[in-house]
């Protein structure tokens, strides 16, 4: 597989494109939706991760694929690949190794052999059922990662020896009261935040649980809603927390957990992302994609694509490549790619079939004020459309 120079490469030669005139505004970018019709193994996406080489690893239900900006390569098509119920995510180690964490355990992937090696985290771990791993994050010890599991709490894993650091893990589990952990994140002060039976903060230097100071409104949110994601905002040093009842911020300066200054929302939040240039994107469960401004107000992310409707989108993943292109994992929809450059080109599927699959080569495009757009094709006849939305064209 030879990767394109840019992760997002638009193949104009095989697309029907129309220059669309839009009002220029911040975050008004062009996008394209990739579905199972484009080779995506599943529309149930749970995570997207871009590695140091520019490949996008797309994880989902019984699915793990590589995306090069044009094509998807399903890694689980091979006979040697184990069957995962759900691939929750992929992370690259400091030595270039790829770690796959799934509902059936932790795996190390050898790309040269397309081989998945099951890494057993416990002597009692079942060889088939495995151990359900929810998160795999950096841990402040050289060569180590924190593994968050459904039934066995949290563990410190040494990537070099490929074994659990038993001494550090035992010290950590001695103060961690939960058998489960669904989310984990390090804050600005080097403390570990976890979500098990409740939201917790752990001082790793002193190995003790810390009380979390919070406003009354924030207390109500964490008391009734689960935490689905946490990220450390690099510019402010604050910890941003996504819950089923809106967004919360742990203010680094005041050491207080609070709601947004711009106004609290009860919208369920599923995923968060801070881009390379400091923009904060918020993915919701059934309410589409939003951006959080510096004043902590939320605004809908504008998408100029006639074929994409994000009104009720369930956003499960947000990732960014080295060039600033964005990839969104949308549950039961697919992968949406948003280019960094606002070039004002939109993709339109022109087809004589009812399922709107693009199946024609456009040879010419003209416009008549009385008739509308006239599109001539090679092998599929002539299309006419009265508006700029060519997906509504008639043959």
Protein backbone atom coordinates (compact mmCIF):
# COMPACT_ATOMS: atom_id res chain seq x y z
CA UNK A 1 0.00 0.00 0.00
CA UNK A 2 1.45 3.30 -1.03
CA UNK A 3 0.17 6.29 0.91
CA UNK A 4 -0.59 9.56 -0.88
CA UNK A 5 1.53 12.56 0.04
CA UNK A 6 -1.48 14.29 1.58
CA UNK A 7 -3.85 12.32 3.77
CA UNK A 8 -6.82 14.00 2.11
CA UNK A 9 -6.36 13.93 -1.64
CA UNK A 10 -9.38 14.78 -3.73
CA UNK A 11 -9.40 12.86 -7.00
CA UNK A 12 -11.05 15.43 -9.26
CA UNK A 13 -10.64 13.23 -12.31
CA UNK A 14 -13.22 10.77 -10.96
CA UNK A 15 -15.51 13.28 -9.29
CA UNK A 16 -18.21 15.58 -10.57
CA UNK A 17 -17.48 18.91 -8.93
CA UNK A 18 -19.28 22.22 -9.03
CA UNK A 19 -17.90 25.53 -7.87
CA UNK A 20 -20.31 26.62 -5.13
CA UNK A 21 -20.51 30.22 -4.02
CA UNK A 22 -20.92 30.60 -0.27
CA UNK A 23 -20.52 33.36 2.24
CA UNK A 24 -17.01 33.21 3.62
CA UNK A 25 -17.04 32.61 7.37
CA UNK A 26 -14.89 31.07 10.05
CA UNK A 27 -15.10 27.29 10.09
CA UNK A 28 -17.03 27.16 6.82
CA UNK A 29 -15.13 24.28 5.27
CA UNK A 30 -15.81 21.72 2.59
CA UNK A 31 -16.34 18.10 3.51
CA UNK A 32 -17.03 14.67 2.09
CA UNK A 33 -18.76 11.71 3.70
CA UNK A 34 -17.29 8.22 3.25
CA UNK A 35 -19.66 5.30 3.81
CA UNK A 36 -19.72 1.56 3.29
CA UNK A 37 -20.33 2.28 -0.41
CA UNK A 38 -16.82 3.79 -0.49
CA UNK A 39 -15.19 0.70 1.04
CA UNK A 40 -15.62 1.53 4.74
CA UNK A 41 -16.06 -1.87 6.47
CA UNK A 42 -18.73 -0.61 8.89
CA UNK A 43 -20.75 2.52 9.58
CA UNK A 44 -20.49 1.94 13.34
CA UNK A 45 -17.36 4.03 14.00
CA UNK A 46 -15.89 4.36 17.50
CA UNK A 47 -12.46 5.91 17.05
CA UNK A 48 -10.10 7.47 14.48
CA UNK A 49 -6.36 7.83 15.07
CA UNK A 50 -3.74 9.31 12.70
CA UNK A 51 -0.28 7.83 13.20
CA UNK A 52 3.15 9.41 12.60
CA UNK A 53 3.16 8.20 8.97
CA UNK A 54 -0.15 9.84 8.13
CA UNK A 55 -2.33 6.72 8.06
CA UNK A 56 -5.77 7.03 9.66
CA UNK A 57 -6.77 4.00 11.73
CA UNK A 58 -10.56 3.67 11.79
CA UNK A 59 -11.97 1.49 14.58
CA UNK A 60 -15.49 0.16 14.92
CA UNK A 61 -17.68 -2.84 15.56
CA UNK A 62 -15.78 -5.94 14.37
CA UNK A 63 -13.76 -3.58 12.19
CA UNK A 64 -10.29 -2.07 11.92
CA UNK A 65 -9.20 -0.35 8.72
CA UNK A 66 -6.53 1.98 7.37
CA UNK A 67 -7.51 5.08 5.38
CA UNK A 68 -5.05 6.87 3.09
CA UNK A 69 -7.34 9.71 2.07
CA UNK A 70 -8.86 7.77 -0.81
CA UNK A 71 -9.24 4.10 0.06
CA UNK A 72 -9.98 1.95 3.10
CA UNK A 73 -7.94 -1.20 3.73
CA UNK A 74 -9.68 -3.61 6.08
CA UNK A 75 -7.07 -5.26 8.32
CA UNK A 76 -9.52 -7.87 9.62
CA UNK A 77 -10.06 -9.45 6.20
CA UNK A 78 -7.02 -11.67 6.64
CA UNK A 79 -7.31 -15.21 7.98
CA UNK A 80 -4.86 -14.58 10.81
CA UNK A 81 -6.77 -11.64 12.21
CA UNK A 82 -8.75 -12.36 15.38
CA UNK A 83 -12.41 -11.46 15.59
CA UNK A 84 -12.94 -8.45 17.85
CA UNK A 85 -16.43 -7.63 19.02
CA UNK A 86 -15.45 -3.96 19.11
CA UNK A 87 -12.17 -2.21 18.37
CA UNK A 88 -12.20 0.78 20.71
CA UNK A 89 -9.05 2.47 19.47
CA UNK A 90 -5.45 2.42 18.24
CA UNK A 91 -2.42 4.22 19.66
CA UNK A 92 1.17 4.39 18.48
CA UNK A 93 3.96 3.71 20.92
CA UNK A 94 7.14 5.78 21.18
CA UNK A 95 9.00 3.00 19.39
CA UNK A 96 6.53 2.92 16.49
CA UNK A 97 4.61 -0.12 17.68
CA UNK A 98 0.86 -0.03 17.15
CA UNK A 99 -1.36 -0.93 20.09
CA UNK A 100 -4.95 -2.02 19.47
CA UNK A 101 -7.31 -1.93 22.46
CA UNK A 102 -10.55 -3.80 22.08
CA UNK A 103 -13.50 -5.31 23.92
CA UNK A 104 -11.53 -8.57 23.81
CA UNK A 105 -8.18 -7.38 25.11
CA UNK A 106 -5.01 -5.48 24.25
CA UNK A 107 -3.15 -6.40 21.05
CA UNK A 108 0.15 -5.47 19.45
CA UNK A 109 0.05 -5.21 15.66
CA UNK A 110 2.89 -6.24 13.34
CA UNK A 111 2.22 -4.55 9.98
CA UNK A 112 4.87 -6.57 8.13
CA UNK A 113 3.00 -9.80 8.88
CA UNK A 114 -0.46 -8.34 9.42
CA UNK A 115 -0.35 -10.16 12.74
CA UNK A 116 -2.20 -9.34 15.95
CA UNK A 117 -0.50 -10.52 19.12
CA UNK A 118 -2.72 -10.81 22.19
CA UNK A 119 -1.04 -9.18 25.20
CA UNK A 120 -2.35 -10.80 28.36
CA UNK A 121 -2.76 -8.30 31.19
CA UNK A 122 -3.62 -10.83 33.86
CA UNK A 123 -2.92 -14.49 34.58
CA UNK A 124 -6.68 -15.06 34.75
CA UNK A 125 -7.44 -13.35 31.41
CA UNK A 126 -9.39 -15.67 29.12
CA UNK A 127 -7.63 -16.43 25.83
CA UNK A 128 -10.85 -16.03 23.82
CA UNK A 129 -13.02 -13.57 25.73
CA UNK A 130 -10.02 -11.47 26.73
CA UNK A 131 -10.26 -8.39 28.91
CA UNK A 132 -12.34 -5.39 27.87
CA UNK A 133 -10.01 -2.38 27.52
CA UNK A 134 -11.61 1.09 27.46
CA UNK A 135 -8.60 3.42 27.24
CA UNK A 136 -4.84 3.35 26.59
CA UNK A 137 -3.17 6.64 27.54
CA UNK A 138 0.29 7.98 28.38
CA UNK A 139 1.44 7.44 31.97
CA UNK A 140 4.12 9.61 33.64
CA UNK A 141 6.68 6.82 33.81
CA UNK A 142 9.17 6.16 31.01
CA UNK A 143 7.89 3.70 28.43
CA UNK A 144 4.59 3.15 30.23
CA UNK A 145 0.90 3.52 29.42
CA UNK A 146 -2.19 3.41 31.61
CA UNK A 147 -4.70 0.72 30.67
CA UNK A 148 -8.31 1.29 31.75
CA UNK A 149 -10.52 -1.81 31.84
CA UNK A 150 -14.17 -2.69 32.40
CA UNK A 151 -13.72 -5.24 35.17
CA UNK A 152 -10.12 -5.10 36.39
CA UNK A 153 -9.64 -1.43 37.25
CA UNK A 154 -6.56 0.38 35.96
CA UNK A 155 -3.09 -0.95 35.20
CA UNK A 156 0.30 0.50 34.35
CA UNK A 157 1.68 -1.24 31.27
CA UNK A 158 5.34 -1.28 30.20
CA UNK A 159 5.47 -1.06 26.40
CA UNK A 160 9.10 -2.22 26.24
CA UNK A 161 8.68 -5.44 28.22
CA UNK A 162 5.05 -5.85 27.02
CA UNK A 163 4.04 -6.65 30.57
CA UNK A 164 2.08 -5.01 33.35
CA UNK A 165 4.24 -3.06 35.81
CA UNK A 166 2.99 -4.99 38.84
CA UNK A 167 4.62 -2.85 41.51
CA UNK A 168 3.22 0.46 40.21
CA UNK A 169 -0.13 -1.13 39.41
CA UNK A 170 -0.48 -2.58 42.92
CA UNK A 171 0.25 0.82 44.47
CA UNK A 172 -2.30 2.46 42.20
CA UNK A 173 -5.01 -0.14 42.75
CA UNK A 174 -4.48 0.06 46.51
CA UNK A 175 -6.06 3.53 46.45
CA UNK A 176 -8.38 3.14 43.43
CA UNK A 177 -11.74 1.88 44.75
CA UNK A 178 -13.40 0.87 41.46
CA UNK A 179 -13.16 -2.34 39.43
CA UNK A 180 -14.03 -0.45 36.27
CA UNK A 181 -12.70 2.59 34.44
CA UNK A 182 -14.27 3.87 31.22
CA UNK A 183 -12.27 7.11 30.73
CA UNK A 184 -8.86 8.39 31.87
CA UNK A 185 -6.86 11.58 31.37
CA UNK A 186 -3.85 13.40 32.86
CA UNK A 187 -4.30 17.03 33.93
CA UNK A 188 -1.91 20.00 33.98
CA UNK A 189 -0.69 19.17 37.51
CA UNK A 190 0.16 15.57 36.63
CA UNK A 191 -2.88 14.15 38.36
CA UNK A 192 -4.87 11.28 36.89
CA UNK A 193 -8.61 11.69 36.28
CA UNK A 194 -10.73 8.56 35.91
CA UNK A 195 -14.37 7.68 35.42
CA UNK A 196 -15.52 4.50 37.14
CA UNK A 197 -18.48 4.44 39.48
CA UNK A 198 -17.84 8.18 39.81
CA UNK A 199 -15.42 10.89 38.65
CA UNK A 200 -12.10 10.71 40.54
CA UNK A 201 -8.78 12.57 40.69
CA UNK A 202 -5.58 10.84 41.79
CA UNK A 203 -2.29 12.45 42.86
CA UNK A 204 0.23 10.05 41.30
CA UNK A 205 3.23 11.50 43.14
CA UNK A 206 1.72 10.93 46.58
CA UNK A 207 -0.51 8.06 45.43
CA UNK A 208 -3.69 9.32 47.05
CA UNK A 209 -7.24 10.23 46.05
CA UNK A 210 -8.00 13.94 45.96
CA UNK A 211 -11.27 15.67 46.71
CA UNK A 212 -12.64 17.51 43.66
CA UNK A 213 -13.91 21.00 44.47
CA UNK A 214 -16.88 21.86 42.26
CA UNK A 215 -19.75 24.28 41.91
CA UNK A 216 -23.27 23.17 42.78
CA UNK A 217 -24.25 23.11 39.11
CA UNK A 218 -21.23 20.96 38.21
CA UNK A 219 -22.01 18.61 41.10
CA UNK A 220 -25.49 18.01 39.69
CA UNK A 221 -24.05 17.15 36.28
CA UNK A 222 -21.48 14.61 37.54
CA UNK A 223 -24.01 13.21 39.98
CA UNK A 224 -26.51 12.27 37.29
CA UNK A 225 -24.46 11.82 34.10
CA UNK A 226 -21.55 9.69 32.97
CA UNK A 227 -18.29 11.08 31.61
CA UNK A 228 -17.65 10.13 27.96
CA UNK A 229 -14.40 11.97 27.21
CA UNK A 230 -11.75 14.20 28.82
CA UNK A 231 -8.96 16.26 27.25
CA UNK A 232 -6.31 18.61 28.59
CA UNK A 233 -6.48 21.98 26.82
CA UNK A 234 -2.88 22.90 26.05
CA UNK A 235 -3.36 26.66 25.73
CA UNK A 236 -5.28 27.21 28.99
CA UNK A 237 -4.15 24.21 31.04
CA UNK A 238 -7.79 23.48 31.87
CA UNK A 239 -9.33 20.03 31.73
CA UNK A 240 -12.40 19.81 29.49
CA UNK A 241 -14.87 17.07 30.40
CA UNK A 242 -17.66 15.71 28.17
CA UNK A 243 -20.71 14.31 29.96
CA UNK A 244 -24.19 13.13 29.11
CA UNK A 245 -25.44 16.40 30.58
CA UNK A 246 -23.14 18.92 28.91
CA UNK A 247 -19.59 20.24 29.20
CA UNK A 248 -17.60 20.79 32.39
CA UNK A 249 -14.24 22.51 32.92
CA UNK A 250 -11.73 21.91 35.69
CA UNK A 251 -10.18 25.36 35.97
CA UNK A 252 -6.43 25.04 36.49
CA UNK A 253 -6.10 28.43 38.21
CA UNK A 254 -9.03 28.11 40.63
CA UNK A 255 -8.76 24.30 41.01
CA UNK A 256 -12.55 24.20 40.68
CA UNK A 257 -14.80 22.03 38.51
CA UNK A 258 -17.46 24.22 36.91
CA UNK A 259 -19.83 24.62 33.97
CA UNK A 260 -19.06 26.84 30.98
CA UNK A 261 -18.87 30.59 31.51
CA UNK A 262 -20.71 31.08 28.24
CA UNK A 263 -23.74 29.24 29.56
CA UNK A 264 -24.43 25.63 30.47
CA UNK A 265 -26.03 23.26 27.99
CA UNK A 266 -27.72 19.94 28.78
CA UNK A 267 -26.71 18.57 25.38
CA UNK A 268 -25.06 15.11 25.68
CA UNK A 269 -21.39 15.40 24.66
CA UNK A 270 -19.53 12.34 23.40
CA UNK A 271 -16.08 13.42 22.17
CA UNK A 272 -13.68 16.38 22.35
CA UNK A 273 -10.72 17.58 20.28
CA UNK A 274 -8.28 20.49 20.49
CA UNK A 275 -6.73 21.12 17.08
CA UNK A 276 -3.09 21.96 16.43
CA UNK A 277 -3.88 25.69 16.33
CA UNK A 278 -5.94 25.65 19.54
CA UNK A 279 -9.49 25.37 18.23
CA UNK A 280 -11.81 23.25 20.37
CA UNK A 281 -14.28 20.93 18.66
CA UNK A 282 -17.17 19.28 20.47
CA UNK A 283 -18.95 16.18 19.20
CA UNK A 284 -22.41 15.47 20.55
CA UNK A 285 -24.71 12.48 20.76
CA UNK A 286 -27.47 13.19 18.20
CA UNK A 287 -26.90 16.98 18.01
CA UNK A 288 -24.04 17.21 15.52
CA UNK A 289 -20.67 18.97 15.78
CA UNK A 290 -19.94 22.22 17.64
CA UNK A 291 -17.00 24.53 18.31
CA UNK A 292 -16.20 26.16 21.64
CA UNK A 293 -14.98 29.74 21.47
CA UNK A 294 -12.55 31.45 23.85
CA UNK A 295 -15.50 32.87 25.82
CA UNK A 296 -16.73 29.27 26.30
CA UNK A 297 -19.80 29.67 24.10
CA UNK A 298 -20.79 26.87 21.73
CA UNK A 299 -21.57 27.38 18.04
CA UNK A 300 -22.63 24.89 15.39
CA UNK A 301 -19.87 23.82 13.02
CA UNK A 302 -20.81 24.85 9.47
CA UNK A 303 -20.44 22.15 6.84
CA UNK A 304 -20.83 22.99 3.15
CA UNK A 305 -21.83 19.65 1.69
CA UNK A 306 -25.26 19.06 0.13
CA UNK A 307 -24.94 15.34 0.80
CA UNK A 308 -24.18 15.63 4.53
CA UNK A 309 -26.75 16.34 7.22
CA UNK A 310 -25.29 16.60 10.73
CA UNK A 311 -28.48 17.74 12.46
CA UNK A 312 -28.91 14.47 14.38
CA UNK A 313 -25.41 13.07 13.96
CA UNK A 314 -23.91 10.92 16.73
CA UNK A 315 -20.25 11.92 16.80
CA UNK A 316 -17.95 9.25 18.23
CA UNK A 317 -14.50 10.41 17.07
CA UNK A 318 -12.66 13.57 15.98
CA UNK A 319 -9.09 13.45 14.67
CA UNK A 320 -6.75 15.81 12.82
CA UNK A 321 -3.88 15.01 10.47
CA UNK A 322 -0.57 16.88 10.19
CA UNK A 323 -1.97 19.21 7.51
CA UNK A 324 -4.98 20.30 9.56
CA UNK A 325 -7.58 18.17 7.78
CA UNK A 326 -10.26 16.86 10.13
CA UNK A 327 -11.78 13.39 10.29
CA UNK A 328 -15.06 12.72 12.09
CA UNK A 329 -16.37 9.29 13.03
CA UNK A 330 -20.17 9.37 12.87
CA UNK A 331 -22.05 6.42 14.33
CA UNK A 332 -24.28 4.68 11.77
CA UNK A 333 -23.15 7.14 9.07
CA UNK A 334 -19.44 6.76 8.33
CA UNK A 335 -16.32 8.94 8.21
CA UNK A 336 -16.60 12.61 7.28
CA UNK A 337 -13.45 14.35 6.08
CA UNK A 338 -13.26 18.14 6.27
CA UNK A 339 -10.46 19.83 4.40
CA UNK A 340 -8.42 22.59 6.02
CA UNK A 341 -8.45 24.73 2.88
CA UNK A 342 -11.81 26.47 2.23
CA UNK A 343 -11.61 25.91 -1.53
CA UNK A 344 -15.41 26.15 -2.01
CA UNK A 345 -15.58 22.95 -4.05
CA UNK A 346 -18.38 20.55 -3.16
CA UNK A 347 -18.88 16.94 -4.20
CA UNK A 348 -22.15 16.04 -5.99
CA UNK A 349 -23.19 12.50 -6.88
CA UNK A 350 -24.71 12.40 -10.39
CA UNK A 351 -26.28 9.09 -11.28
CA UNK A 352 -29.21 7.67 -13.25
CA UNK A 353 -29.87 5.32 -10.32
CA UNK A 354 -32.00 6.16 -7.31
CA UNK A 355 -29.32 5.45 -4.71
CA UNK A 356 -27.26 8.49 -5.80
CA UNK A 357 -24.04 6.56 -6.39
CA UNK A 358 -21.71 8.62 -8.54
CA UNK A 359 -21.38 6.62 -11.76
CA UNK A 360 -20.71 9.10 -14.54
CA UNK A 361 -17.82 10.92 -16.14
CA UNK A 362 -18.70 14.58 -16.65
CA UNK A 363 -17.62 15.95 -20.02
CA UNK A 364 -19.12 19.44 -19.91
CA UNK A 365 -21.11 21.78 -17.68
CA UNK A 366 -23.17 24.76 -18.78
CA UNK A 367 -25.82 27.04 -17.34
CA UNK A 368 -29.01 28.45 -18.88
CA UNK A 369 -31.02 30.99 -16.82
CA UNK A 370 -34.30 29.47 -18.07
CA UNK A 371 -33.38 25.80 -17.81
CA UNK A 372 -30.70 25.67 -15.08
CA UNK A 373 -27.52 23.61 -15.08
CA UNK A 374 -26.95 21.18 -17.95
CA UNK A 375 -24.45 18.39 -17.36
CA UNK A 376 -23.20 16.26 -20.24
CA UNK A 377 -21.71 12.87 -19.40
CA UNK A 378 -19.81 10.08 -21.08
CA UNK A 379 -22.15 7.10 -21.24
CA UNK A 380 -25.01 8.27 -19.01
CA UNK A 381 -26.66 10.94 -21.11
CA UNK A 382 -27.45 14.55 -20.24
CA UNK A 383 -28.71 15.81 -16.87
CA UNK A 384 -30.63 18.94 -16.03
CA UNK A 385 -30.92 20.64 -12.64
CA UNK A 386 -32.78 23.84 -11.80
CA UNK A 387 -30.67 24.54 -8.67
CA UNK A 388 -27.02 24.33 -7.69
CA UNK A 389 -27.70 21.03 -5.92
CA UNK A 390 -26.84 18.56 -8.65
CA UNK A 391 -27.97 15.63 -6.52
CA UNK A 392 -31.53 16.70 -7.45
CA UNK A 393 -30.80 16.49 -11.18
CA UNK A 394 -33.02 14.76 -13.72
CA UNK A 395 -31.72 12.77 -16.66
